[in-house]
Amino acid sequence: MQQLGSRVRAARKKAGLSQAAFAEKCGIDRLYLGRIELGKQNPTVVMLMRIASEAGTDAATLLVGIVIDRDGALAPSKRRMRSETA
């Protein structure tokens, strides 16, 4: 979850929006967005698509390289997005 949250935060910042402004644009509470960015909560697929769209990207880009472990939890990936290595 931490990796996805970091990507959501980076996409929001790239869009030049504060957490409050971005949350409003997405139609969600700022605290919910904060929990997503901190990796404490996973967004639904629909919410992830809305977040990605409002940030000017797509959900697939935010999810590249993220894998699920046997228990269904997000597991760290050995590969990183190009933007994370730059």
C-alpha atoms as a PDB file:
ATOM      1  CA  MET A   1       0.000   0.000   0.000  1.00  0.00           C
ATOM      2  CA  GLN A   2       2.867   2.347   0.754  1.00  0.00           C
ATOM      3  CA  GLN A   3       4.122   2.191  -2.825  1.00  0.00           C
ATOM      4  CA  LEU A   4       0.692   2.962  -4.277  1.00  0.00           C
ATOM      5  CA  GLY A   5       0.212   5.790  -1.790  1.00  0.00           C
ATOM      6  CA  SER A   6       3.557   7.313  -2.732  1.00  0.00           C
ATOM      7  CA  ARG A   7       2.579   7.186  -6.381  1.00  0.00           C
ATOM      8  CA  VAL A   8      -0.775   8.843  -5.683  1.00  0.00           C
ATOM      9  CA  ARG A   9       1.014  11.594  -3.733  1.00  0.00           C
ATOM     10  CA  ALA A  10       3.555  12.103  -6.524  1.00  0.00           C
ATOM     11  CA  ALA A  11       0.785  12.304  -9.146  1.00  0.00           C
ATOM     12  CA  ARG A  12      -1.108  14.856  -7.024  1.00  0.00           C
ATOM     13  CA  LYS A  13       1.983  16.985  -6.530  1.00  0.00           C
ATOM     14  CA  LYS A  14       2.832  16.764 -10.234  1.00  0.00           C
ATOM     15  CA  ALA A  15      -0.663  18.142 -10.893  1.00  0.00           C
ATOM     16  CA  GLY A  16       0.262  21.028  -8.579  1.00  0.00           C
ATOM     17  CA  LEU A  17      -2.578  20.470  -6.123  1.00  0.00           C
ATOM     18  CA  SER A  18      -2.754  20.506  -2.348  1.00  0.00           C
ATOM     19  CA  GLN A  19      -4.257  17.517  -0.608  1.00  0.00           C
ATOM     20  CA  ALA A  20      -7.419  19.488   0.144  1.00  0.00           C
ATOM     21  CA  ALA A  21      -7.845  20.767  -3.429  1.00  0.00           C
ATOM     22  CA  PHE A  22      -7.140  17.352  -4.950  1.00  0.00           C
ATOM     23  CA  ALA A  23      -9.513  15.570  -2.556  1.00  0.00           C
ATOM     24  CA  GLU A  24     -12.265  18.041  -3.437  1.00  0.00           C
ATOM     25  CA  LYS A  25     -11.617  17.538  -7.150  1.00  0.00           C
ATOM     26  CA  CYS A  26     -11.880  13.749  -6.638  1.00  0.00           C
ATOM     27  CA  GLY A  27     -15.022  14.094  -4.525  1.00  0.00           C
ATOM     28  CA  ILE A  28     -13.473  12.514  -1.438  1.00  0.00           C
ATOM     29  CA  ASP A  29     -12.564  13.617   2.062  1.00  0.00           C
ATOM     30  CA  ARG A  30      -9.056  15.010   2.551  1.00  0.00           C
ATOM     31  CA  LEU A  31      -8.439  12.588   5.427  1.00  0.00           C
ATOM     32  CA  TYR A  32      -9.333   9.631   3.191  1.00  0.00           C
ATOM     33  CA  LEU A  33      -6.867  10.882   0.568  1.00  0.00           C
ATOM     34  CA  GLY A  34      -4.263  11.305   3.296  1.00  0.00           C
ATOM     35  CA  ARG A  35      -4.732   7.696   4.433  1.00  0.00           C
ATOM     36  CA  ILE A  36      -4.348   6.508   0.840  1.00  0.00           C
ATOM     37  CA  GLU A  37      -1.154   8.544   0.395  1.00  0.00           C
ATOM     38  CA  LEU A  38       0.268   7.192   3.654  1.00  0.00           C
ATOM     39  CA  GLY A  39      -0.478   3.621   2.587  1.00  0.00           C
ATOM     40  CA  LYS A  40      -2.923   3.075   5.427  1.00  0.00           C
ATOM     41  CA  GLN A  41      -5.914   2.505   3.166  1.00  0.00           C
ATOM     42  CA  ASN A  42      -6.373   1.082  -0.327  1.00  0.00           C
ATOM     43  CA  PRO A  43      -8.775   2.884  -2.645  1.00  0.00           C
ATOM     44  CA  THR A  44     -11.408   0.936  -4.522  1.00  0.00           C
ATOM     45  CA  VAL A  45     -10.751   0.345  -8.217  1.00  0.00           C
ATOM     46  CA  VAL A  46     -13.304   3.003  -9.126  1.00  0.00           C
ATOM     47  CA  MET A  47     -11.711   5.496  -6.712  1.00  0.00           C
ATOM     48  CA  LEU A  48      -8.230   4.725  -8.000  1.00  0.00           C
ATOM     49  CA  MET A  49      -9.446   5.373 -11.544  1.00  0.00           C
ATOM     50  CA  ARG A  50     -10.989   8.697 -10.460  1.00  0.00           C
ATOM     51  CA  ILE A  51      -7.816   9.721  -8.593  1.00  0.00           C
ATOM     52  CA  ALA A  52      -5.662   8.828 -11.588  1.00  0.00           C
ATOM     53  CA  SER A  53      -7.934  10.684 -13.995  1.00  0.00           C
ATOM     54  CA  GLU A  54      -7.973  13.846 -11.875  1.00  0.00           C
ATOM     55  CA  ALA A  55      -4.155  13.661 -11.645  1.00  0.00           C
ATOM     56  CA  GLY A  56      -3.854  13.399 -15.426  1.00  0.00           C
ATOM     57  CA  THR A  57      -2.673   9.795 -15.512  1.00  0.00           C
ATOM     58  CA  ASP A  58      -4.277   6.359 -15.490  1.00  0.00           C
ATOM     59  CA  ALA A  59      -4.696   3.657 -12.872  1.00  0.00           C
ATOM     60  CA  ALA A  60      -2.408   1.251 -14.751  1.00  0.00           C
ATOM     61  CA  THR A  61       0.486   3.701 -14.452  1.00  0.00           C
ATOM     62  CA  LEU A  62      -0.054   3.962 -10.700  1.00  0.00           C
ATOM     63  CA  LEU A  63      -0.134   0.171 -10.368  1.00  0.00           C
ATOM     64  CA  VAL A  64       2.824  -0.810 -12.589  1.00  0.00           C
ATOM     65  CA  GLY A  65       5.057  -3.307 -10.797  1.00  0.00           C
ATOM     66  CA  ILE A  66       2.934  -3.629  -7.659  1.00  0.00           C
ATOM     67  CA  VAL A  67       2.313  -7.269  -6.789  1.00  0.00           C
ATOM     68  CA  ILE A  68      -0.019  -9.048  -4.381  1.00  0.00           C
ATOM     69  CA  ASP A  69       1.365 -11.590  -1.890  1.00  0.00           C
ATOM     70  CA  ARG A  70      -0.298 -14.905  -1.009  1.00  0.00           C
ATOM     71  CA  ASP A  71      -2.427 -13.276   1.686  1.00  0.00           C
ATOM     72  CA  GLY A  72      -3.840 -10.713  -0.739  1.00  0.00           C
ATOM     73  CA  ALA A  73      -1.767  -7.842   0.614  1.00  0.00           C
ATOM     74  CA  LEU A  74       0.262  -5.532  -1.565  1.00  0.00           C
ATOM     75  CA  ALA A  75       3.829  -6.776  -1.631  1.00  0.00           C
ATOM     76  CA  PRO A  76       6.840  -4.661  -2.537  1.00  0.00           C
ATOM     77  CA  SER A  77       8.034  -5.053  -6.077  1.00  0.00           C
ATOM     78  CA  LYS A  78      11.619  -5.439  -7.150  1.00  0.00           C
ATOM     79  CA  ARG A  79      10.941  -3.223 -10.164  1.00  0.00           C
ATOM     80  CA  ARG A  80      10.271   0.494  -9.889  1.00  0.00           C
ATOM     81  CA  MET A  81       8.429   2.937 -12.068  1.00  0.00           C
ATOM     82  CA  ARG A  82      10.694   5.096 -14.203  1.00  0.00           C
ATOM     83  CA  SER A  83       9.537   8.198 -12.297  1.00  0.00           C
ATOM     84  CA  GLU A  84      10.582   6.610  -8.985  1.00  0.00           C
ATOM     85  CA  THR A  85      14.130   6.045 -10.179  1.00  0.00           C
ATOM     86  CA  ALA A  86      14.577   9.576 -11.507  1.00  0.00           C
END
